[in-house]
Amino acid sequence: GYQLRPGAEAFLPTTLEQLWSTRLEQLLQSTRKRAELFSEFEIQKTLELAAAIGQEVLFREWGNACNKEDLTVPSVLVDEMITQGFASAGHQAWSFTHEGLRDLLILRAKEAGRWAAHNHVCAAMIDTTYEKSDQGASERLTNYLIEAGAYDLVIEPLLHLIQKALIRCDWDLARTYLDDVE
């Protein structure tokens, strides 16, 4: 049968959050060993920004968001995530393969009081990366501002989205946006 190495302790997580926390700590430590210039805290913040961006993370957006926070993405981080089964990557983007890791990163950012700031950064990244006429970017900007609690800043892009929906006679979408205003 199986035996533990001498001196090793048996650990079985009792909750999914415990499991994801353990796996995240392993990811942070292994990335830190391969990228010695970065602290585990800096690596975690880059991952929290990725979680704020979404399930799929464009390398360009992630780099721009991290730059706005004076962070650099360790070049080995995505490789380490793929190796540990946390991500799959293409040429221009990578994706979280497990929603549990992304949820944990969001939870940690919220508990540490960083979530609103991360969403402000993502809103600024969208604002400087895409044209105002880009429908998808406008929706994402609006969502980031709402998530950041920046309700005074969300009015203008939200009204723009409502106008575009009304011009296209998409009443349901316009109503959905109006509900966001309320």
C-alpha atoms as a PDB file:
ATOM      1  CA  GLY A   1       0.000   0.000   0.000  1.00  0.00           C
ATOM      2  CA  TYR A   2       0.847   3.655   0.215  1.00  0.00           C
ATOM      3  CA  GLN A   3       3.044   5.065   2.936  1.00  0.00           C
ATOM      4  CA  LEU A   4       3.976   8.624   3.826  1.00  0.00           C
ATOM      5  CA  ARG A   5       7.585   9.664   3.614  1.00  0.00           C
ATOM      6  CA  PRO A   6       9.334   9.674   6.973  1.00  0.00           C
ATOM      7  CA  GLY A   7       8.529  12.915   8.794  1.00  0.00           C
ATOM      8  CA  ALA A   8       5.646  13.817   6.457  1.00  0.00           C
ATOM      9  CA  GLU A   9       2.278  14.641   7.960  1.00  0.00           C
ATOM     10  CA  ALA A  10      -0.999  13.463   6.495  1.00  0.00           C
ATOM     11  CA  PHE A  11      -3.286  16.330   5.511  1.00  0.00           C
ATOM     12  CA  LEU A  12      -6.715  15.910   4.042  1.00  0.00           C
ATOM     13  CA  PRO A  13      -8.713  19.089   3.535  1.00  0.00           C
ATOM     14  CA  THR A  14     -12.198  19.019   4.986  1.00  0.00           C
ATOM     15  CA  THR A  15     -13.670  21.733   2.739  1.00  0.00           C
ATOM     16  CA  LEU A  16     -13.241  22.797  -0.871  1.00  0.00           C
ATOM     17  CA  GLU A  17     -11.971  26.183   0.314  1.00  0.00           C
ATOM     18  CA  GLN A  18      -9.253  24.407   2.310  1.00  0.00           C
ATOM     19  CA  LEU A  19      -8.337  22.365  -0.742  1.00  0.00           C
ATOM     20  CA  TRP A  20      -8.099  25.426  -2.981  1.00  0.00           C
ATOM     21  CA  SER A  21      -6.158  27.363  -0.321  1.00  0.00           C
ATOM     22  CA  THR A  22      -3.622  24.555  -0.067  1.00  0.00           C
ATOM     23  CA  ARG A  23      -3.302  24.320  -3.836  1.00  0.00           C
ATOM     24  CA  LEU A  24      -2.951  28.112  -4.164  1.00  0.00           C
ATOM     25  CA  GLU A  25      -0.198  28.151  -1.530  1.00  0.00           C
ATOM     26  CA  GLN A  26       1.614  25.420  -3.468  1.00  0.00           C
ATOM     27  CA  LEU A  27       1.289  27.466  -6.668  1.00  0.00           C
ATOM     28  CA  LEU A  28       2.582  30.629  -4.978  1.00  0.00           C
ATOM     29  CA  GLN A  29       5.535  28.785  -3.447  1.00  0.00           C
ATOM     30  CA  SER A  30       6.531  26.950  -6.620  1.00  0.00           C
ATOM     31  CA  THR A  31       6.257  30.142  -8.686  1.00  0.00           C
ATOM     32  CA  ARG A  32       8.289  32.022  -6.076  1.00  0.00           C
ATOM     33  CA  LYS A  33      11.048  29.395  -6.305  1.00  0.00           C
ATOM     34  CA  ARG A  34      11.211  29.824 -10.103  1.00  0.00           C
ATOM     35  CA  ALA A  35      10.839  33.638 -10.021  1.00  0.00           C
ATOM     36  CA  GLU A  36      12.950  34.744  -7.076  1.00  0.00           C
ATOM     37  CA  LEU A  37      12.537  38.471  -7.737  1.00  0.00           C
ATOM     38  CA  PHE A  38       8.854  38.263  -6.822  1.00  0.00           C
ATOM     39  CA  SER A  39       7.256  37.856  -3.413  1.00  0.00           C
ATOM     40  CA  GLU A  40       4.348  35.466  -2.937  1.00  0.00           C
ATOM     41  CA  PHE A  41       2.212  38.519  -2.156  1.00  0.00           C
ATOM     42  CA  GLU A  42       3.063  40.139  -5.521  1.00  0.00           C
ATOM     43  CA  ILE A  43       2.325  36.874  -7.323  1.00  0.00           C
ATOM     44  CA  GLN A  44      -1.009  36.588  -5.520  1.00  0.00           C
ATOM     45  CA  LYS A  45      -1.930  40.184  -6.455  1.00  0.00           C
ATOM     46  CA  THR A  46      -1.229  39.473 -10.136  1.00  0.00           C
ATOM     47  CA  LEU A  47      -3.490  36.423  -9.850  1.00  0.00           C
ATOM     48  CA  GLU A  48      -6.196  38.467  -8.115  1.00  0.00           C
ATOM     49  CA  LEU A  49      -6.097  40.960 -10.997  1.00  0.00           C
ATOM     50  CA  ALA A  50      -6.424  38.051 -13.428  1.00  0.00           C
ATOM     51  CA  ALA A  51      -9.443  36.810 -11.453  1.00  0.00           C
ATOM     52  CA  ALA A  52     -10.973  40.287 -11.664  1.00  0.00           C
ATOM     53  CA  ILE A  53     -10.451  40.332 -15.435  1.00  0.00           C
ATOM     54  CA  GLY A  54     -12.478  37.137 -15.772  1.00  0.00           C
ATOM     55  CA  GLN A  55     -12.447  33.428 -16.503  1.00  0.00           C
ATOM     56  CA  GLU A  56     -10.487  34.050 -19.710  1.00  0.00           C
ATOM     57  CA  VAL A  57      -7.519  36.406 -19.393  1.00  0.00           C
ATOM     58  CA  LEU A  58      -5.966  38.104 -22.419  1.00  0.00           C
ATOM     59  CA  PHE A  59      -2.221  38.472 -21.888  1.00  0.00           C
ATOM     60  CA  ARG A  60      -2.377  42.072 -23.129  1.00  0.00           C
ATOM     61  CA  GLU A  61      -5.139  43.048 -20.686  1.00  0.00           C
ATOM     62  CA  TRP A  62      -3.469  41.300 -17.764  1.00  0.00           C
ATOM     63  CA  GLY A  63      -0.138  42.979 -18.475  1.00  0.00           C
ATOM     64  CA  ASN A  64      -1.814  46.395 -18.809  1.00  0.00           C
ATOM     65  CA  ALA A  65      -3.748  45.928 -15.552  1.00  0.00           C
ATOM     66  CA  CYS A  66      -0.631  44.795 -13.690  1.00  0.00           C
ATOM     67  CA  ASN A  67       1.343  47.753 -15.071  1.00  0.00           C
ATOM     68  CA  LYS A  68      -1.277  50.102 -13.645  1.00  0.00           C
ATOM     69  CA  GLU A  69      -0.528  48.596 -10.219  1.00  0.00           C
ATOM     70  CA  ASP A  70       3.264  48.681 -10.758  1.00  0.00           C
ATOM     71  CA  LEU A  71       3.278  44.892 -10.859  1.00  0.00           C
ATOM     72  CA  THR A  72       5.031  42.634 -13.324  1.00  0.00           C
ATOM     73  CA  VAL A  73       3.677  39.222 -14.213  1.00  0.00           C
ATOM     74  CA  PRO A  74       6.370  36.607 -13.527  1.00  0.00           C
ATOM     75  CA  SER A  75       7.132  34.973 -16.878  1.00  0.00           C
ATOM     76  CA  VAL A  76       6.914  31.501 -15.312  1.00  0.00           C
ATOM     77  CA  LEU A  77       3.512  32.019 -13.671  1.00  0.00           C
ATOM     78  CA  VAL A  78       1.265  30.819 -16.501  1.00  0.00           C
ATOM     79  CA  ASP A  79       3.584  27.864 -17.179  1.00  0.00           C
ATOM     80  CA  GLU A  80       3.401  26.937 -13.503  1.00  0.00           C
ATOM     81  CA  MET A  81      -0.400  27.262 -13.559  1.00  0.00           C
ATOM     82  CA  ILE A  82      -0.611  24.979 -16.607  1.00  0.00           C
ATOM     83  CA  THR A  83       1.771  22.457 -15.019  1.00  0.00           C
ATOM     84  CA  GLN A  84      -0.377  22.331 -11.875  1.00  0.00           C
ATOM     85  CA  GLY A  85      -3.620  22.092 -13.847  1.00  0.00           C
ATOM     86  CA  PHE A  86      -4.942  25.551 -12.967  1.00  0.00           C
ATOM     87  CA  ALA A  87      -4.892  27.033 -16.454  1.00  0.00           C
ATOM     88  CA  SER A  88      -4.971  26.321 -20.150  1.00  0.00           C
ATOM     89  CA  ALA A  89      -3.403  28.763 -22.566  1.00  0.00           C
ATOM     90  CA  GLY A  90      -3.560  29.798 -26.163  1.00  0.00           C
ATOM     91  CA  HIS A  91      -1.537  32.285 -28.156  1.00  0.00           C
ATOM     92  CA  GLN A  92      -3.233  35.466 -26.847  1.00  0.00           C
ATOM     93  CA  ALA A  93      -4.951  34.345 -23.657  1.00  0.00           C
ATOM     94  CA  TRP A  94      -5.138  31.842 -20.873  1.00  0.00           C
ATOM     95  CA  SER A  95      -8.134  30.569 -18.902  1.00  0.00           C
ATOM     96  CA  PHE A  96      -8.710  29.372 -15.385  1.00  0.00           C
ATOM     97  CA  THR A  97      -9.486  25.661 -15.716  1.00  0.00           C
ATOM     98  CA  HIS A  98     -11.175  25.583 -12.305  1.00  0.00           C
ATOM     99  CA  GLU A  99     -13.660  28.166 -11.107  1.00  0.00           C
ATOM    100  CA  GLY A 100     -12.679  27.232  -7.533  1.00  0.00           C
ATOM    101  CA  LEU A 101      -9.262  28.881  -7.812  1.00  0.00           C
ATOM    102  CA  ARG A 102     -10.719  32.051  -9.293  1.00  0.00           C
ATOM    103  CA  ASP A 103     -13.402  32.144  -6.581  1.00  0.00           C
ATOM    104  CA  LEU A 104     -10.742  31.797  -3.873  1.00  0.00           C
ATOM    105  CA  LEU A 105      -8.657  34.611  -5.361  1.00  0.00           C
ATOM    106  CA  ILE A 106     -11.744  36.850  -5.463  1.00  0.00           C
ATOM    107  CA  LEU A 107     -12.595  35.931  -1.860  1.00  0.00           C
ATOM    108  CA  ARG A 108      -9.055  36.687  -0.674  1.00  0.00           C
ATOM    109  CA  ALA A 109      -9.049  40.030  -2.488  1.00  0.00           C
ATOM    110  CA  LYS A 110     -12.401  40.951  -0.922  1.00  0.00           C
ATOM    111  CA  GLU A 111     -11.333  39.871   2.569  1.00  0.00           C
ATOM    112  CA  ALA A 112      -8.128  41.921   2.246  1.00  0.00           C
ATOM    113  CA  GLY A 113     -10.032  44.983   0.973  1.00  0.00           C
ATOM    114  CA  ARG A 114      -8.374  44.879  -2.472  1.00  0.00           C
ATOM    115  CA  TRP A 115     -11.348  43.832  -4.627  1.00  0.00           C
ATOM    116  CA  ALA A 116     -12.736  47.325  -5.315  1.00  0.00           C
ATOM    117  CA  ALA A 117      -9.239  48.592  -6.195  1.00  0.00           C
ATOM    118  CA  HIS A 118      -8.683  45.647  -8.561  1.00  0.00           C
ATOM    119  CA  ASN A 119     -11.938  46.468 -10.340  1.00  0.00           C
ATOM    120  CA  HIS A 120     -10.954  50.152 -10.581  1.00  0.00           C
ATOM    121  CA  VAL A 121      -7.702  49.015 -12.205  1.00  0.00           C
ATOM    122  CA  CYS A 122      -9.593  46.760 -14.635  1.00  0.00           C
ATOM    123  CA  ALA A 123     -11.951  49.626 -15.515  1.00  0.00           C
ATOM    124  CA  ALA A 124      -8.956  51.880 -16.195  1.00  0.00           C
ATOM    125  CA  MET A 125      -7.347  49.125 -18.271  1.00  0.00           C
ATOM    126  CA  ILE A 126     -10.503  48.745 -20.394  1.00  0.00           C
ATOM    127  CA  ASP A 127     -10.806  52.520 -20.746  1.00  0.00           C
ATOM    128  CA  THR A 128      -7.247  52.877 -22.070  1.00  0.00           C
ATOM    129  CA  THR A 129      -7.126  49.651 -24.123  1.00  0.00           C
ATOM    130  CA  TYR A 130     -10.357  49.799 -26.140  1.00  0.00           C
ATOM    131  CA  GLU A 131     -12.362  52.332 -28.125  1.00  0.00           C
ATOM    132  CA  LYS A 132     -15.448  53.803 -26.467  1.00  0.00           C
ATOM    133  CA  SER A 133     -17.548  52.467 -29.370  1.00  0.00           C
ATOM    134  CA  ASP A 134     -16.658  48.831 -28.540  1.00  0.00           C
ATOM    135  CA  GLN A 135     -19.908  47.381 -27.128  1.00  0.00           C
ATOM    136  CA  GLY A 136     -18.236  44.545 -25.237  1.00  0.00           C
ATOM    137  CA  ALA A 137     -15.632  46.852 -23.728  1.00  0.00           C
ATOM    138  CA  SER A 138     -18.340  49.319 -22.654  1.00  0.00           C
ATOM    139  CA  GLU A 139     -20.245  46.546 -20.901  1.00  0.00           C
ATOM    140  CA  ARG A 140     -17.108  45.308 -19.174  1.00  0.00           C
ATOM    141  CA  LEU A 141     -16.181  48.863 -18.122  1.00  0.00           C
ATOM    142  CA  THR A 142     -19.643  49.302 -16.641  1.00  0.00           C
ATOM    143  CA  ASN A 143     -19.450  45.976 -14.791  1.00  0.00           C
ATOM    144  CA  TYR A 144     -16.008  46.769 -13.355  1.00  0.00           C
ATOM    145  CA  LEU A 145     -17.154  50.190 -12.165  1.00  0.00           C
ATOM    146  CA  ILE A 146     -20.247  48.685 -10.512  1.00  0.00           C
ATOM    147  CA  GLU A 147     -18.122  45.978  -8.863  1.00  0.00           C
ATOM    148  CA  ALA A 148     -15.707  48.681  -7.666  1.00  0.00           C
ATOM    149  CA  GLY A 149     -18.598  50.630  -6.144  1.00  0.00           C
ATOM    150  CA  ALA A 150     -17.779  53.620  -8.392  1.00  0.00           C
ATOM    151  CA  TYR A 151     -21.411  54.480  -9.021  1.00  0.00           C
ATOM    152  CA  ASP A 152     -20.660  58.119  -9.812  1.00  0.00           C
ATOM    153  CA  LEU A 153     -18.360  56.995 -12.646  1.00  0.00           C
ATOM    154  CA  VAL A 154     -20.679  54.334 -14.055  1.00  0.00           C
ATOM    155  CA  ILE A 155     -23.527  56.656 -15.104  1.00  0.00           C
ATOM    156  CA  GLU A 156     -21.953  57.934 -18.339  1.00  0.00           C
ATOM    157  CA  PRO A 157     -20.920  54.540 -19.808  1.00  0.00           C
ATOM    158  CA  LEU A 158     -24.211  53.001 -18.672  1.00  0.00           C
ATOM    159  CA  LEU A 159     -26.265  55.739 -20.374  1.00  0.00           C
ATOM    160  CA  HIS A 160     -24.164  55.196 -23.507  1.00  0.00           C
ATOM    161  CA  LEU A 161     -25.048  51.487 -23.450  1.00  0.00           C
ATOM    162  CA  ILE A 162     -28.741  52.282 -22.957  1.00  0.00           C
ATOM    163  CA  GLN A 163     -28.701  54.678 -25.936  1.00  0.00           C
ATOM    164  CA  LYS A 164     -27.025  52.093 -28.156  1.00  0.00           C
ATOM    165  CA  ALA A 165     -29.586  49.457 -27.148  1.00  0.00           C
ATOM    166  CA  LEU A 166     -32.478  51.846 -27.843  1.00  0.00           C
ATOM    167  CA  ILE A 167     -31.064  52.754 -31.266  1.00  0.00           C
ATOM    168  CA  ARG A 168     -30.984  49.017 -32.108  1.00  0.00           C
ATOM    169  CA  CYS A 169     -34.543  48.656 -30.718  1.00  0.00           C
ATOM    170  CA  ASP A 170     -33.256  46.106 -28.227  1.00  0.00           C
ATOM    171  CA  TRP A 171     -35.783  46.993 -25.529  1.00  0.00           C
ATOM    172  CA  ASP A 172     -34.937  44.047 -23.279  1.00  0.00           C
ATOM    173  CA  LEU A 173     -31.263  44.946 -23.192  1.00  0.00           C
ATOM    174  CA  ALA A 174     -32.055  48.613 -22.569  1.00  0.00           C
ATOM    175  CA  ARG A 175     -34.297  47.526 -19.684  1.00  0.00           C
ATOM    176  CA  THR A 176     -31.519  45.358 -18.265  1.00  0.00           C
ATOM    177  CA  TYR A 177     -29.155  48.339 -18.334  1.00  0.00           C
ATOM    178  CA  LEU A 178     -31.808  50.558 -16.747  1.00  0.00           C
ATOM    179  CA  ASP A 179     -32.203  48.009 -13.966  1.00  0.00           C
ATOM    180  CA  ASP A 180     -28.457  48.364 -13.358  1.00  0.00           C
ATOM    181  CA  VAL A 181     -28.969  52.120 -12.887  1.00  0.00           C
ATOM    182  CA  GLU A 182     -31.498  51.452 -10.151  1.00  0.00           C
END
